[in-house]
Amino acid sequence: MSTRTGTKTIRTGGISLRCRPRSLAAGAACLLFALVMAVVCLGSGDYTMSPGQVLRTLLGQGAPADDFIVNELRLPRVVTALLVGAALALAGALFQSLVRNPLGSPDVLGFTQGAATGALLVVVAGGGSLALAGGAVAGGVTTGLLIYALARRDGLHGYRLVLTGIGVAAILTGVNGYLLTRTKLTDAARVVLWLTGSLDGRGWENATPLLIVLAVLVPVVLLGCERPLRMLEMGDDAAHALGIRVERLRMVLLLAAVLLAAFASAAAGPVNFVALTAPQLARRLAKAPGPNLLPSMCLGAALLVSCDWLAQRLVGGHQLPVGVITGVLGGGYLVWLLAVQRKAGRI
């Protein structure tokens, strides 16, 4: 156990985990808040239920009507919100650490726009909902490979990756606008709702692929890459000197981040600003250096499920897409962040 930097080392068999108590506490608090908001969402709606009723129903002790409303109608949407928020926040934390820039996130770098392009191509071709999700994943991954190829010349640098991603995002935004004009009117309305970012009508078929991706990638990233990523934040030369294979690590983490963003977009559409704001807020809560991946995930889940609850209640009798709420809150945070960076003389 190390106390010099406030870091504890936990050894389990052949695995060594390094954690900071404040970071763990921040992650636990965010996770608890996310679960509380999940229970609140499950009990809210035209048929309201108390938290006790919700918990009894989840444990299989509720009335048949409660069981149908909670487990069949509301639970898939809430689980999708938790998973999408966690995936986007983890992807954002990875991007921001790799490019060493607080503006590094899938929606700024163009990956979510690429997912939208893939989905729109499927809609123009006449594909259904399942094909739309597959097109979103394919579009996000293809965009990630394109940005990596364009930014990789003479070594991959964060500043170049950000500029390349912004340029690709601008191009894809124009392409998406054109593809919208080529869709049928009925399909266009559905696609515009998806492009805004929406959890309405989400079922287990939306949550399951993302759950599988998280189950595979989260252990790889947290157990195998968090400590090398912390070293990579000190610079490529310092990471090389500490024995880190920088290019291989960067490729693995970029692939993981792109897959997380692509599958999250496939599940709920390109929800904006969660990947940008959650890692920054988690770092401020934890007050610890490094990527703070676990607190970011928990805060992202809490943020999205809270925004979805607000989207359903803000306008009486009408549900807003959750992307509207995250866009307003995230845009305000971005303006504040830029003002702080300018005041500090960093921009």
Protein backbone atom coordinates (compact mmCIF):
# COMPACT_ATOMS: atom_id res chain seq x y z
CA MET A 1 0.00 0.00 0.00
CA SER A 2 1.31 3.44 -0.90
CA THR A 3 0.33 6.54 1.08
CA ARG A 4 2.86 9.04 -0.27
CA THR A 5 0.53 10.14 -3.09
CA GLY A 6 -2.73 9.09 -1.48
CA THR A 7 -2.80 5.96 -3.64
CA LYS A 8 -3.66 2.52 -2.32
CA THR A 9 -2.48 -0.66 -4.02
CA ILE A 10 -4.78 -3.68 -3.79
CA ARG A 11 -3.35 -7.05 -4.82
CA THR A 12 -5.67 -9.89 -5.78
CA GLY A 13 -3.86 -12.95 -7.06
CA GLY A 14 -1.66 -11.76 -9.89
CA ILE A 15 -3.58 -8.50 -10.47
CA SER A 16 -2.51 -5.22 -8.92
CA LEU A 17 -5.02 -2.38 -8.79
CA ARG A 18 -4.05 1.17 -7.90
CA CYS A 19 -6.77 3.46 -6.67
CA ARG A 20 -7.15 6.78 -4.88
CA PRO A 21 -9.58 6.86 -1.94
CA ARG A 22 -11.14 10.18 -2.98
CA SER A 23 -11.55 8.95 -6.55
CA LEU A 24 -13.26 5.79 -5.30
CA ALA A 25 -15.48 7.84 -2.99
CA ALA A 26 -16.48 10.15 -5.85
CA GLY A 27 -17.26 7.16 -8.06
CA ALA A 28 -19.31 5.49 -5.32
CA ALA A 29 -21.27 8.69 -4.68
CA CYS A 30 -22.02 9.12 -8.40
CA LEU A 31 -23.04 5.47 -8.70
CA LEU A 32 -25.37 5.79 -5.72
CA PHE A 33 -26.92 8.92 -7.21
CA ALA A 34 -27.36 7.15 -10.55
CA LEU A 35 -29.17 4.23 -8.87
CA VAL A 36 -31.38 6.61 -6.88
CA MET A 37 -32.34 8.48 -10.04
CA ALA A 38 -32.99 5.16 -11.78
CA VAL A 39 -35.48 4.21 -9.05
CA VAL A 40 -37.09 7.66 -9.32
CA CYS A 41 -37.45 7.28 -13.09
CA LEU A 42 -38.95 3.81 -12.73
CA GLY A 43 -41.58 5.21 -10.37
CA SER A 44 -42.40 8.32 -12.41
CA GLY A 45 -44.96 8.68 -15.15
CA ASP A 46 -48.70 8.60 -15.65
CA TYR A 47 -48.81 5.70 -13.20
CA THR A 48 -46.68 6.84 -10.26
CA MET A 49 -45.10 4.44 -7.82
CA SER A 50 -43.22 4.96 -4.57
CA PRO A 51 -39.56 3.93 -4.30
CA GLY A 52 -40.64 1.07 -2.03
CA GLN A 53 -43.05 -0.22 -4.66
CA VAL A 54 -40.36 -0.01 -7.33
CA LEU A 55 -37.83 -1.93 -5.23
CA ARG A 56 -40.36 -4.63 -4.30
CA THR A 57 -41.29 -4.99 -7.98
CA LEU A 58 -37.65 -5.30 -9.02
CA LEU A 59 -37.24 -8.04 -6.41
CA GLY A 60 -40.23 -9.91 -7.86
CA GLN A 61 -42.65 -9.06 -5.07
CA GLY A 62 -44.82 -6.49 -6.83
CA ALA A 63 -48.36 -6.67 -8.15
CA PRO A 64 -48.82 -7.91 -11.75
CA ALA A 65 -49.64 -4.39 -12.97
CA ASP A 66 -46.55 -2.97 -11.26
CA ASP A 67 -44.40 -5.74 -12.69
CA PHE A 68 -45.56 -5.01 -16.24
CA ILE A 69 -45.06 -1.24 -15.95
CA VAL A 70 -41.64 -1.42 -14.28
CA ASN A 71 -40.00 -4.43 -15.89
CA GLU A 72 -41.55 -4.34 -19.34
CA LEU A 73 -42.16 -0.65 -20.04
CA ARG A 74 -39.75 1.45 -17.99
CA LEU A 75 -36.76 -0.68 -17.02
CA PRO A 76 -35.32 -1.11 -20.56
CA ARG A 77 -35.30 2.66 -21.07
CA VAL A 78 -33.64 3.34 -17.71
CA VAL A 79 -31.01 0.63 -18.23
CA THR A 80 -30.28 2.00 -21.70
CA ALA A 81 -29.82 5.49 -20.23
CA LEU A 82 -27.40 4.19 -17.59
CA LEU A 83 -25.37 2.21 -20.13
CA VAL A 84 -25.26 4.97 -22.75
CA GLY A 85 -24.21 7.54 -20.16
CA ALA A 86 -21.46 5.28 -18.82
CA ALA A 87 -20.18 4.39 -22.31
CA LEU A 88 -20.10 7.99 -23.54
CA ALA A 89 -18.38 9.22 -20.37
CA LEU A 90 -15.74 6.49 -20.56
CA ALA A 91 -15.14 7.26 -24.25
CA GLY A 92 -14.83 10.96 -23.45
CA ALA A 93 -12.38 10.31 -20.60
CA LEU A 94 -10.22 8.19 -22.90
CA PHE A 95 -10.23 10.77 -25.69
CA GLN A 96 -9.45 13.66 -23.35
CA SER A 97 -6.55 11.76 -21.80
CA LEU A 98 -5.15 10.67 -25.16
CA VAL A 99 -5.24 14.13 -26.74
CA ARG A 100 -4.50 15.90 -23.41
CA ASN A 101 -7.24 18.40 -24.22
CA PRO A 102 -10.52 19.01 -22.32
CA LEU A 103 -12.29 19.48 -25.67
CA GLY A 104 -11.52 15.93 -26.76
CA SER A 105 -14.81 14.06 -26.97
CA PRO A 106 -16.62 11.93 -29.59
CA ASP A 107 -19.12 14.66 -30.51
CA VAL A 108 -16.40 17.32 -30.96
CA LEU A 109 -14.01 15.01 -32.82
CA GLY A 110 -16.61 13.82 -35.32
CA PHE A 111 -17.19 10.21 -34.26
CA THR A 112 -20.87 10.68 -33.41
CA GLN A 113 -21.38 12.53 -36.69
CA GLY A 114 -19.88 9.51 -38.43
CA ALA A 115 -22.31 7.24 -36.60
CA ALA A 116 -25.14 9.50 -37.76
CA THR A 117 -23.90 9.28 -41.36
CA GLY A 118 -23.91 5.49 -41.20
CA ALA A 119 -27.43 5.47 -39.81
CA LEU A 120 -28.69 7.91 -42.45
CA LEU A 121 -27.21 5.83 -45.25
CA VAL A 122 -29.15 2.83 -43.94
CA VAL A 123 -32.38 4.86 -43.80
CA VAL A 124 -31.89 6.14 -47.36
CA ALA A 125 -31.34 2.53 -48.46
CA GLY A 126 -34.62 1.52 -46.80
CA GLY A 127 -33.24 -0.39 -43.80
CA GLY A 128 -35.12 -0.95 -40.54
CA SER A 129 -34.31 -0.12 -36.93
CA LEU A 130 -31.88 -3.00 -36.45
CA ALA A 131 -30.01 -2.09 -39.63
CA LEU A 132 -29.95 1.55 -38.47
CA ALA A 133 -28.10 0.55 -35.30
CA GLY A 134 -25.64 -1.50 -37.35
CA GLY A 135 -25.11 1.41 -39.72
CA ALA A 136 -24.41 3.72 -36.78
CA VAL A 137 -21.74 1.38 -35.43
CA ALA A 138 -20.17 0.95 -38.87
CA GLY A 139 -20.21 4.70 -39.50
CA GLY A 140 -18.62 5.51 -36.15
CA VAL A 141 -15.85 2.94 -36.54
CA THR A 142 -15.14 3.98 -40.14
CA THR A 143 -14.92 7.63 -39.11
CA GLY A 144 -12.54 6.70 -36.30
CA LEU A 145 -10.26 4.86 -38.71
CA LEU A 146 -10.38 7.78 -41.17
CA ILE A 147 -9.50 10.38 -38.51
CA TYR A 148 -6.69 8.18 -37.20
CA ALA A 149 -5.24 7.71 -40.69
CA LEU A 150 -5.38 11.44 -41.45
CA ALA A 151 -3.87 12.51 -38.12
CA ARG A 152 -1.22 9.80 -37.80
CA ARG A 153 1.44 11.24 -40.13
CA ASP A 154 4.79 11.70 -38.32
CA GLY A 155 3.28 10.41 -35.12
CA LEU A 156 -0.15 10.97 -33.58
CA HIS A 157 -0.38 14.25 -31.67
CA GLY A 158 -3.40 15.39 -29.69
CA TYR A 159 -3.62 18.85 -31.26
CA ARG A 160 -3.55 17.39 -34.77
CA LEU A 161 -6.16 14.78 -33.85
CA VAL A 162 -8.51 17.45 -32.50
CA LEU A 163 -8.18 19.64 -35.60
CA THR A 164 -8.60 16.66 -37.93
CA GLY A 165 -11.66 15.50 -36.03
CA ILE A 166 -13.26 18.96 -36.13
CA GLY A 167 -12.68 19.15 -39.89
CA VAL A 168 -14.14 15.69 -40.50
CA ALA A 169 -17.11 16.55 -38.25
CA ALA A 170 -17.83 19.66 -40.34
CA ILE A 171 -17.75 17.63 -43.56
CA LEU A 172 -19.99 14.91 -42.14
CA THR A 173 -22.48 17.49 -40.85
CA GLY A 174 -22.94 18.69 -44.42
CA VAL A 175 -23.23 15.12 -45.70
CA ASN A 176 -25.86 14.35 -43.07
CA GLY A 177 -27.86 17.41 -44.08
CA TYR A 178 -27.86 16.24 -47.69
CA LEU A 179 -28.85 12.67 -46.74
CA LEU A 180 -31.80 14.04 -44.76
CA THR A 181 -33.13 15.65 -47.93
CA ARG A 182 -33.01 12.25 -49.65
CA THR A 183 -35.13 10.44 -47.07
CA LYS A 184 -38.89 10.00 -47.18
CA LEU A 185 -40.89 12.43 -45.07
CA THR A 186 -42.02 9.75 -42.61
CA ASP A 187 -38.49 8.40 -42.25
CA ALA A 188 -37.05 11.90 -41.91
CA ALA A 189 -39.16 12.61 -38.82
CA ARG A 190 -37.93 9.40 -37.18
CA VAL A 191 -34.32 10.09 -38.13
CA VAL A 192 -34.39 13.68 -36.85
CA LEU A 193 -35.60 12.40 -33.47
CA TRP A 194 -32.78 9.85 -33.43
CA LEU A 195 -30.21 12.49 -34.46
CA THR A 196 -31.25 14.66 -31.53
CA GLY A 197 -30.60 11.80 -29.12
CA SER A 198 -33.63 10.07 -27.69
CA LEU A 199 -34.39 7.25 -25.26
CA ASP A 200 -38.09 7.08 -26.11
CA GLY A 201 -39.24 3.54 -26.90
CA ARG A 202 -35.88 1.94 -26.12
CA GLY A 203 -36.03 -1.79 -25.38
CA TRP A 204 -33.71 -4.61 -24.42
CA GLU A 205 -32.66 -4.98 -28.05
CA ASN A 206 -31.05 -1.52 -27.74
CA ALA A 207 -29.40 -2.11 -24.37
CA THR A 208 -28.05 -5.63 -24.87
CA PRO A 209 -25.36 -4.94 -27.55
CA LEU A 210 -24.03 -1.99 -25.55
CA LEU A 211 -24.00 -4.07 -22.37
CA ILE A 212 -21.91 -6.73 -24.11
CA VAL A 213 -19.44 -4.13 -25.40
CA LEU A 214 -19.11 -2.59 -21.93
CA ALA A 215 -18.64 -6.02 -20.34
CA VAL A 216 -15.73 -6.69 -22.71
CA LEU A 217 -14.05 -3.28 -22.87
CA VAL A 218 -14.41 -1.94 -19.31
CA PRO A 219 -12.24 -4.65 -17.69
CA VAL A 220 -9.64 -4.27 -20.44
CA VAL A 221 -9.47 -0.49 -20.01
CA LEU A 222 -9.69 -0.31 -16.21
CA LEU A 223 -7.44 -3.26 -15.36
CA GLY A 224 -4.96 -3.16 -18.20
CA CYS A 225 -4.75 0.42 -19.45
CA GLU A 226 -5.56 2.97 -16.73
CA ARG A 227 -2.09 3.07 -15.17
CA PRO A 228 -0.28 3.26 -18.57
CA LEU A 229 -2.78 5.94 -19.64
CA ARG A 230 -1.89 7.98 -16.56
CA MET A 231 1.77 7.78 -17.61
CA LEU A 232 0.87 8.69 -21.19
CA GLU A 233 -0.70 11.92 -19.93
CA MET A 234 2.80 13.01 -18.86
CA GLY A 235 3.93 12.94 -22.50
CA ASP A 236 5.14 10.38 -25.00
CA ASP A 237 8.82 10.72 -24.03
CA ALA A 238 8.10 10.19 -20.34
CA ALA A 239 5.86 7.21 -21.12
CA HIS A 240 8.57 5.68 -23.33
CA ALA A 241 11.11 6.13 -20.55
CA LEU A 242 8.78 4.29 -18.14
CA GLY A 243 8.52 1.32 -20.51
CA ILE A 244 5.13 2.06 -22.08
CA ARG A 245 4.62 1.01 -25.71
CA VAL A 246 2.98 4.28 -26.64
CA GLU A 247 1.72 3.59 -30.17
CA ARG A 248 0.18 0.23 -29.30
CA LEU A 249 -1.46 1.65 -26.17
CA ARG A 250 -2.84 4.62 -28.09
CA MET A 251 -4.29 2.39 -30.81
CA VAL A 252 -5.96 0.08 -28.28
CA LEU A 253 -7.49 2.95 -26.32
CA LEU A 254 -8.63 4.80 -29.45
CA LEU A 255 -10.31 1.64 -30.72
CA ALA A 256 -12.01 1.12 -27.36
CA ALA A 257 -13.21 4.74 -27.25
CA VAL A 258 -14.53 4.63 -30.81
CA LEU A 259 -16.41 1.38 -30.19
CA LEU A 260 -17.95 2.76 -26.99
CA ALA A 261 -19.09 5.95 -28.73
CA ALA A 262 -20.40 4.07 -31.78
CA PHE A 263 -22.46 1.53 -29.82
CA ALA A 264 -23.78 4.24 -27.50
CA SER A 265 -24.89 6.24 -30.55
CA ALA A 266 -26.51 3.13 -32.00
CA ALA A 267 -28.51 2.65 -28.78
CA ALA A 268 -29.78 6.20 -28.25
CA GLY A 269 -28.59 8.36 -31.11
CA PRO A 270 -25.72 10.87 -30.95
CA VAL A 271 -26.40 12.30 -27.47
CA ASN A 272 -24.24 15.39 -27.25
CA PHE A 273 -21.96 16.73 -24.51
CA VAL A 274 -22.17 13.82 -22.03
CA ALA A 275 -18.75 12.62 -23.19
CA LEU A 276 -17.42 16.17 -22.89
CA THR A 277 -18.78 17.17 -19.50
CA ALA A 278 -18.81 13.96 -17.42
CA PRO A 279 -15.01 13.35 -17.37
CA GLN A 280 -14.30 17.00 -16.50
CA LEU A 281 -16.87 17.06 -13.69
CA ALA A 282 -15.61 13.71 -12.39
CA ARG A 283 -12.05 15.02 -12.27
CA ARG A 284 -13.20 18.04 -10.29
CA LEU A 285 -15.16 15.85 -7.87
CA ALA A 286 -12.30 13.41 -7.37
CA LYS A 287 -9.66 16.17 -7.20
CA ALA A 288 -7.11 13.61 -8.37
CA PRO A 289 -4.78 13.62 -11.38
CA GLY A 290 -5.14 11.05 -14.10
CA PRO A 291 -8.08 9.99 -16.25
CA ASN A 292 -10.44 9.01 -13.36
CA LEU A 293 -12.18 6.49 -15.60
CA LEU A 294 -14.42 4.84 -13.00
CA PRO A 295 -15.82 8.11 -11.55
CA SER A 296 -16.39 9.35 -15.11
CA MET A 297 -18.45 6.28 -15.97
CA CYS A 298 -20.60 6.56 -12.85
CA LEU A 299 -21.12 10.29 -13.32
CA GLY A 300 -22.01 9.82 -16.98
CA ALA A 301 -24.67 7.26 -16.06
CA ALA A 302 -26.05 9.57 -13.37
CA LEU A 303 -26.02 12.55 -15.70
CA LEU A 304 -27.90 10.89 -18.55
CA VAL A 305 -30.57 9.21 -16.43
CA SER A 306 -31.14 12.53 -14.62
CA CYS A 307 -31.42 14.42 -17.92
CA ASP A 308 -33.89 11.81 -19.21
CA TRP A 309 -36.02 12.26 -16.09
CA LEU A 310 -35.92 16.03 -16.61
CA ALA A 311 -36.75 15.66 -20.30
CA GLN A 312 -39.91 13.74 -19.42
CA ARG A 313 -41.05 16.29 -16.80
CA LEU A 314 -39.88 19.69 -18.04
CA VAL A 315 -42.74 20.28 -20.49
CA GLY A 316 -46.09 19.11 -19.19
CA GLY A 317 -47.76 16.52 -21.41
CA HIS A 318 -44.82 16.34 -23.82
CA GLN A 319 -41.53 14.45 -23.69
CA LEU A 320 -38.42 16.17 -24.93
CA PRO A 321 -35.59 14.16 -26.50
CA VAL A 322 -32.87 13.72 -23.89
CA GLY A 323 -30.36 15.22 -26.35
CA VAL A 324 -32.11 18.58 -26.01
CA ILE A 325 -31.41 18.65 -22.26
CA THR A 326 -27.82 17.44 -22.55
CA GLY A 327 -27.21 19.91 -25.37
CA VAL A 328 -28.42 22.89 -23.33
CA LEU A 329 -26.56 21.88 -20.17
CA GLY A 330 -23.43 20.76 -22.03
CA GLY A 331 -23.35 23.87 -24.19
CA GLY A 332 -23.52 26.05 -21.10
CA TYR A 333 -20.70 24.05 -19.54
CA LEU A 334 -18.59 24.40 -22.70
CA VAL A 335 -19.00 28.19 -22.67
CA TRP A 336 -17.99 28.27 -19.01
CA LEU A 337 -15.00 26.00 -19.67
CA LEU A 338 -13.78 28.21 -22.52
CA ALA A 339 -14.14 31.29 -20.32
CA VAL A 340 -12.09 29.63 -17.58
CA GLN A 341 -9.41 28.50 -20.05
CA ARG A 342 -9.19 32.01 -21.51
CA LYS A 343 -8.94 33.60 -18.07
CA ALA A 344 -6.12 31.21 -17.23
CA GLY A 345 -4.32 32.22 -20.44
CA ARG A 346 -4.53 28.75 -22.01
CA ILE A 347 -6.41 29.87 -25.13
